[in-house]
Amino acid sequence: MTESVTVPQPHGSEKTQRENAEGGFVASDALTKNLQGVLVDFIALSLTAKQAHWNIVGPNFRDLHLNLDEVVSIARAGSDTMAERMRALHASPDGRPAVVAEQTSLPVFPDGEITTHDAIDHMVKAVESTVATMRNCHDEVDSADPTTADLFHESIGQLEQQAWFISAETRTPK
């Protein structure tokens, strides 16, 4: 008999308690919500890229296999940067698996083996979805905290470059 799994209540909106000499800027609820959305998409992207990395088969396997690890590295660094930024702004990041699964905007990646060509299409969509999350909340984040928006800029540039690298595998010149 299997037990039903209850998704934990997300805690990304909780503020941390200030102690000692801590002061400074405190993220608004809106800023915290936006950063939480970016955080879960980065975490989901790293997991999706690893799923693809482990299960691709077909032409250009080795190149795509290695390229997917680059996406994983960017996504892991991005998730760490977002989570630590949230902590610096007295917000509590929530990267628990059930929360990530519930909140991510990334499309579901297929299970099992997948051809390199199909994986390319899925991965480009996953990367573009992560970028879209940042772009969709960028102006609101920039208005509240330009420093955090600057962090978005670097991540967007890196991810858009990866989408181009990956999609070039299946493009043909005009």
C-alpha atoms as a PDB file:
ATOM      1  CA  MET A   1       0.000   0.000   0.000  1.00  0.00           C
ATOM      2  CA  THR A   2       1.380   3.395  -0.942  1.00  0.00           C
ATOM      3  CA  GLU A   3       0.927   6.482   1.132  1.00  0.00           C
ATOM      4  CA  SER A   4      -0.175   9.693  -0.492  1.00  0.00           C
ATOM      5  CA  VAL A   5       2.466  12.387  -0.494  1.00  0.00           C
ATOM      6  CA  THR A   6       1.519  15.810   0.712  1.00  0.00           C
ATOM      7  CA  VAL A   7       3.337  18.728  -0.827  1.00  0.00           C
ATOM      8  CA  PRO A   8       4.892  20.807   1.938  1.00  0.00           C
ATOM      9  CA  GLN A   9       3.705  24.345   2.356  1.00  0.00           C
ATOM     10  CA  PRO A  10       6.238  26.617   0.600  1.00  0.00           C
ATOM     11  CA  HIS A  11       8.121  28.834   2.997  1.00  0.00           C
ATOM     12  CA  GLY A  12       9.731  31.216   0.521  1.00  0.00           C
ATOM     13  CA  SER A  13       7.658  34.111   1.813  1.00  0.00           C
ATOM     14  CA  GLU A  14       8.924  33.910   5.370  1.00  0.00           C
ATOM     15  CA  LYS A  15      11.313  36.574   6.574  1.00  0.00           C
ATOM     16  CA  THR A  16      14.363  35.703   8.611  1.00  0.00           C
ATOM     17  CA  GLN A  17      14.897  37.206  12.008  1.00  0.00           C
ATOM     18  CA  ARG A  18      17.471  39.942  12.180  1.00  0.00           C
ATOM     19  CA  GLU A  19      20.114  39.452  14.812  1.00  0.00           C
ATOM     20  CA  ASN A  20      23.174  41.211  16.092  1.00  0.00           C
ATOM     21  CA  ALA A  21      24.229  44.023  13.765  1.00  0.00           C
ATOM     22  CA  GLU A  22      22.118  42.947  10.786  1.00  0.00           C
ATOM     23  CA  GLY A  23      20.212  45.738   9.160  1.00  0.00           C
ATOM     24  CA  GLY A  24      19.927  46.847   5.624  1.00  0.00           C
ATOM     25  CA  PHE A  25      17.452  46.107   2.912  1.00  0.00           C
ATOM     26  CA  VAL A  26      14.621  43.641   3.477  1.00  0.00           C
ATOM     27  CA  ALA A  27      12.948  42.080   0.438  1.00  0.00           C
ATOM     28  CA  SER A  28       9.290  42.885  -0.028  1.00  0.00           C
ATOM     29  CA  ASP A  29       6.812  40.037  -0.397  1.00  0.00           C
ATOM     30  CA  ALA A  30       6.689  40.681  -4.159  1.00  0.00           C
ATOM     31  CA  LEU A  31      10.488  40.613  -4.506  1.00  0.00           C
ATOM     32  CA  THR A  32      10.670  37.442  -2.419  1.00  0.00           C
ATOM     33  CA  LYS A  33       8.012  35.762  -4.564  1.00  0.00           C
ATOM     34  CA  ASN A  34       9.881  36.681  -7.759  1.00  0.00           C
ATOM     35  CA  LEU A  35      13.198  35.399  -6.432  1.00  0.00           C
ATOM     36  CA  GLN A  36      11.546  32.182  -5.251  1.00  0.00           C
ATOM     37  CA  GLY A  37      10.176  31.649  -8.765  1.00  0.00           C
ATOM     38  CA  VAL A  38      13.612  32.110 -10.293  1.00  0.00           C
ATOM     39  CA  LEU A  39      15.168  29.837  -7.678  1.00  0.00           C
ATOM     40  CA  VAL A  40      12.829  26.915  -8.355  1.00  0.00           C
ATOM     41  CA  ASP A  41      13.294  27.253 -12.107  1.00  0.00           C
ATOM     42  CA  PHE A  42      17.087  27.136 -11.717  1.00  0.00           C
ATOM     43  CA  ILE A  43      16.802  24.023  -9.548  1.00  0.00           C
ATOM     44  CA  ALA A  44      14.384  22.390 -12.003  1.00  0.00           C
ATOM     45  CA  LEU A  45      16.662  23.301 -14.925  1.00  0.00           C
ATOM     46  CA  SER A  46      19.663  21.620 -13.298  1.00  0.00           C
ATOM     47  CA  LEU A  47      17.614  18.462 -12.683  1.00  0.00           C
ATOM     48  CA  THR A  48      16.143  18.489 -16.184  1.00  0.00           C
ATOM     49  CA  ALA A  49      19.571  18.896 -17.783  1.00  0.00           C
ATOM     50  CA  LYS A  50      20.927  16.000 -15.718  1.00  0.00           C
ATOM     51  CA  GLN A  51      17.943  13.831 -16.723  1.00  0.00           C
ATOM     52  CA  ALA A  52      18.711  14.575 -20.356  1.00  0.00           C
ATOM     53  CA  HIS A  53      22.460  14.077 -19.799  1.00  0.00           C
ATOM     54  CA  TRP A  54      21.895  10.564 -18.427  1.00  0.00           C
ATOM     55  CA  ASN A  55      19.347   9.432 -21.010  1.00  0.00           C
ATOM     56  CA  ILE A  56      20.288  10.847 -24.423  1.00  0.00           C
ATOM     57  CA  VAL A  57      21.182   8.528 -27.269  1.00  0.00           C
ATOM     58  CA  GLY A  58      21.940   9.155 -30.916  1.00  0.00           C
ATOM     59  CA  PRO A  59      23.913  11.460 -33.205  1.00  0.00           C
ATOM     60  CA  ASN A  60      26.247  13.966 -31.560  1.00  0.00           C
ATOM     61  CA  PHE A  61      25.785  12.207 -28.224  1.00  0.00           C
ATOM     62  CA  ARG A  62      29.156  13.218 -26.802  1.00  0.00           C
ATOM     63  CA  ASP A  63      28.863  16.910 -27.701  1.00  0.00           C
ATOM     64  CA  LEU A  64      25.369  17.223 -26.260  1.00  0.00           C
ATOM     65  CA  HIS A  65      26.294  15.134 -23.206  1.00  0.00           C
ATOM     66  CA  LEU A  66      29.075  17.600 -22.384  1.00  0.00           C
ATOM     67  CA  ASN A  67      27.001  20.669 -23.250  1.00  0.00           C
ATOM     68  CA  LEU A  68      24.282  19.546 -20.848  1.00  0.00           C
ATOM     69  CA  ASP A  69      26.812  19.568 -18.019  1.00  0.00           C
ATOM     70  CA  GLU A  70      27.503  23.217 -18.853  1.00  0.00           C
ATOM     71  CA  VAL A  71      23.787  23.941 -18.440  1.00  0.00           C
ATOM     72  CA  VAL A  72      23.811  22.069 -15.123  1.00  0.00           C
ATOM     73  CA  SER A  73      26.750  24.167 -13.888  1.00  0.00           C
ATOM     74  CA  ILE A  74      25.066  27.433 -14.852  1.00  0.00           C
ATOM     75  CA  ALA A  75      21.771  26.371 -13.278  1.00  0.00           C
ATOM     76  CA  ARG A  76      23.388  25.205 -10.034  1.00  0.00           C
ATOM     77  CA  ALA A  77      25.392  28.409  -9.743  1.00  0.00           C
ATOM     78  CA  GLY A  78      22.228  30.404 -10.486  1.00  0.00           C
ATOM     79  CA  SER A  79      20.213  28.591  -7.837  1.00  0.00           C
ATOM     80  CA  ASP A  80      22.937  29.151  -5.256  1.00  0.00           C
ATOM     81  CA  THR A  81      23.213  32.827  -6.184  1.00  0.00           C
ATOM     82  CA  MET A  82      19.424  33.334  -5.952  1.00  0.00           C
ATOM     83  CA  ALA A  83      19.108  31.455  -2.639  1.00  0.00           C
ATOM     84  CA  GLU A  84      22.000  33.365  -1.090  1.00  0.00           C
ATOM     85  CA  ARG A  85      20.611  36.660  -2.398  1.00  0.00           C
ATOM     86  CA  MET A  86      17.284  35.826  -0.759  1.00  0.00           C
ATOM     87  CA  ARG A  87      19.058  35.133   2.539  1.00  0.00           C
ATOM     88  CA  ALA A  88      20.973  38.413   2.252  1.00  0.00           C
ATOM     89  CA  LEU A  89      17.618  40.185   1.865  1.00  0.00           C
ATOM     90  CA  HIS A  90      16.133  38.386   4.881  1.00  0.00           C
ATOM     91  CA  ALA A  91      13.942  36.044   2.851  1.00  0.00           C
ATOM     92  CA  SER A  92      13.859  32.285   3.242  1.00  0.00           C
ATOM     93  CA  PRO A  93      14.502  30.304   0.022  1.00  0.00           C
ATOM     94  CA  ASP A  94      12.603  27.045  -0.418  1.00  0.00           C
ATOM     95  CA  GLY A  95      14.252  24.485  -2.672  1.00  0.00           C
ATOM     96  CA  ARG A  96      12.651  21.321  -1.347  1.00  0.00           C
ATOM     97  CA  PRO A  97      11.852  18.839  -4.133  1.00  0.00           C
ATOM     98  CA  ALA A  98       8.067  18.923  -3.692  1.00  0.00           C
ATOM     99  CA  VAL A  99       8.064  22.731  -3.689  1.00  0.00           C
ATOM    100  CA  VAL A 100      10.240  22.862  -6.812  1.00  0.00           C
ATOM    101  CA  ALA A 101       7.948  20.385  -8.576  1.00  0.00           C
ATOM    102  CA  GLU A 102       4.866  22.393  -7.643  1.00  0.00           C
ATOM    103  CA  GLN A 103       6.203  25.862  -8.456  1.00  0.00           C
ATOM    104  CA  THR A 104       8.449  25.481 -11.517  1.00  0.00           C
ATOM    105  CA  SER A 105       7.414  26.880 -14.871  1.00  0.00           C
ATOM    106  CA  LEU A 106       9.539  24.346 -16.781  1.00  0.00           C
ATOM    107  CA  PRO A 107       7.731  21.848 -19.008  1.00  0.00           C
ATOM    108  CA  VAL A 108       7.854  18.203 -17.984  1.00  0.00           C
ATOM    109  CA  PHE A 109      10.811  16.329 -19.453  1.00  0.00           C
ATOM    110  CA  PRO A 110      10.102  12.822 -20.803  1.00  0.00           C
ATOM    111  CA  ASP A 111      11.249   9.772 -18.869  1.00  0.00           C
ATOM    112  CA  GLY A 112      13.576   7.086 -20.184  1.00  0.00           C
ATOM    113  CA  GLU A 113      15.900   7.231 -23.148  1.00  0.00           C
ATOM    114  CA  ILE A 114      15.488  10.135 -25.516  1.00  0.00           C
ATOM    115  CA  THR A 115      17.101  10.876 -28.863  1.00  0.00           C
ATOM    116  CA  THR A 116      19.593  13.695 -28.976  1.00  0.00           C
ATOM    117  CA  HIS A 117      17.355  15.604 -31.390  1.00  0.00           C
ATOM    118  CA  ASP A 118      14.294  15.344 -29.128  1.00  0.00           C
ATOM    119  CA  ALA A 119      16.405  16.208 -26.078  1.00  0.00           C
ATOM    120  CA  ILE A 120      17.655  19.320 -27.846  1.00  0.00           C
ATOM    121  CA  ASP A 121      14.101  20.540 -28.397  1.00  0.00           C
ATOM    122  CA  HIS A 122      13.120  19.820 -24.789  1.00  0.00           C
ATOM    123  CA  MET A 123      16.249  21.406 -23.342  1.00  0.00           C
ATOM    124  CA  VAL A 124      15.930  24.570 -25.389  1.00  0.00           C
ATOM    125  CA  LYS A 125      12.355  24.917 -24.111  1.00  0.00           C
ATOM    126  CA  ALA A 126      13.533  24.340 -20.518  1.00  0.00           C
ATOM    127  CA  VAL A 127      16.294  26.946 -20.821  1.00  0.00           C
ATOM    128  CA  GLU A 128      13.945  29.429 -22.495  1.00  0.00           C
ATOM    129  CA  SER A 129      11.358  28.879 -19.760  1.00  0.00           C
ATOM    130  CA  THR A 130      13.943  29.665 -17.081  1.00  0.00           C
ATOM    131  CA  VAL A 131      14.972  32.815 -18.949  1.00  0.00           C
ATOM    132  CA  ALA A 132      11.310  33.796 -19.406  1.00  0.00           C
ATOM    133  CA  THR A 133      10.777  33.621 -15.647  1.00  0.00           C
ATOM    134  CA  MET A 134      13.593  36.119 -15.120  1.00  0.00           C
ATOM    135  CA  ARG A 135      12.527  38.353 -17.988  1.00  0.00           C
ATOM    136  CA  ASN A 136       8.884  38.350 -16.855  1.00  0.00           C
ATOM    137  CA  CYS A 137       9.724  39.630 -13.386  1.00  0.00           C
ATOM    138  CA  HIS A 138      12.836  41.639 -14.309  1.00  0.00           C
ATOM    139  CA  ASP A 139      11.269  45.100 -14.322  1.00  0.00           C
ATOM    140  CA  GLU A 140       9.509  44.569 -11.003  1.00  0.00           C
ATOM    141  CA  VAL A 141      12.725  43.186  -9.479  1.00  0.00           C
ATOM    142  CA  ASP A 142      14.788  46.029 -10.963  1.00  0.00           C
ATOM    143  CA  SER A 143      12.412  48.577  -9.496  1.00  0.00           C
ATOM    144  CA  ALA A 144      12.642  47.024  -6.033  1.00  0.00           C
ATOM    145  CA  ASP A 145      16.307  45.997  -6.070  1.00  0.00           C
ATOM    146  CA  PRO A 146      18.602  46.860  -8.997  1.00  0.00           C
ATOM    147  CA  THR A 147      21.399  44.768  -7.480  1.00  0.00           C
ATOM    148  CA  THR A 148      19.321  41.611  -7.834  1.00  0.00           C
ATOM    149  CA  ALA A 149      18.338  42.587 -11.381  1.00  0.00           C
ATOM    150  CA  ASP A 150      22.060  42.760 -12.189  1.00  0.00           C
ATOM    151  CA  LEU A 151      22.355  39.124 -11.106  1.00  0.00           C
ATOM    152  CA  PHE A 152      19.572  38.267 -13.549  1.00  0.00           C
ATOM    153  CA  HIS A 153      21.477  39.898 -16.419  1.00  0.00           C
ATOM    154  CA  GLU A 154      24.468  37.587 -16.142  1.00  0.00           C
ATOM    155  CA  SER A 155      22.294  34.474 -15.846  1.00  0.00           C
ATOM    156  CA  ILE A 156      20.110  35.462 -18.790  1.00  0.00           C
ATOM    157  CA  GLY A 157      23.179  35.999 -20.978  1.00  0.00           C
ATOM    158  CA  GLN A 158      24.677  32.637 -20.044  1.00  0.00           C
ATOM    159  CA  LEU A 159      21.426  30.716 -20.516  1.00  0.00           C
ATOM    160  CA  GLU A 160      20.560  32.353 -23.829  1.00  0.00           C
ATOM    161  CA  GLN A 161      24.037  31.428 -25.055  1.00  0.00           C
ATOM    162  CA  GLN A 162      23.405  27.810 -24.010  1.00  0.00           C
ATOM    163  CA  ALA A 163      20.043  27.759 -25.811  1.00  0.00           C
ATOM    164  CA  TRP A 164      21.848  28.936 -28.951  1.00  0.00           C
ATOM    165  CA  PHE A 165      24.636  26.341 -28.541  1.00  0.00           C
ATOM    166  CA  ILE A 166      22.185  23.498 -28.031  1.00  0.00           C
ATOM    167  CA  SER A 167      19.733  24.518 -30.749  1.00  0.00           C
ATOM    168  CA  ALA A 168      22.558  24.896 -33.294  1.00  0.00           C
ATOM    169  CA  GLU A 169      22.906  21.094 -33.257  1.00  0.00           C
ATOM    170  CA  THR A 170      19.699  20.707 -35.261  1.00  0.00           C
ATOM    171  CA  ARG A 171      19.624  23.923 -37.284  1.00  0.00           C
ATOM    172  CA  THR A 172      20.335  24.143 -40.972  1.00  0.00           C
ATOM    173  CA  PRO A 173      21.634  27.244 -42.739  1.00  0.00           C
ATOM    174  CA  LYS A 174      19.308  29.229 -44.956  1.00  0.00           C
END
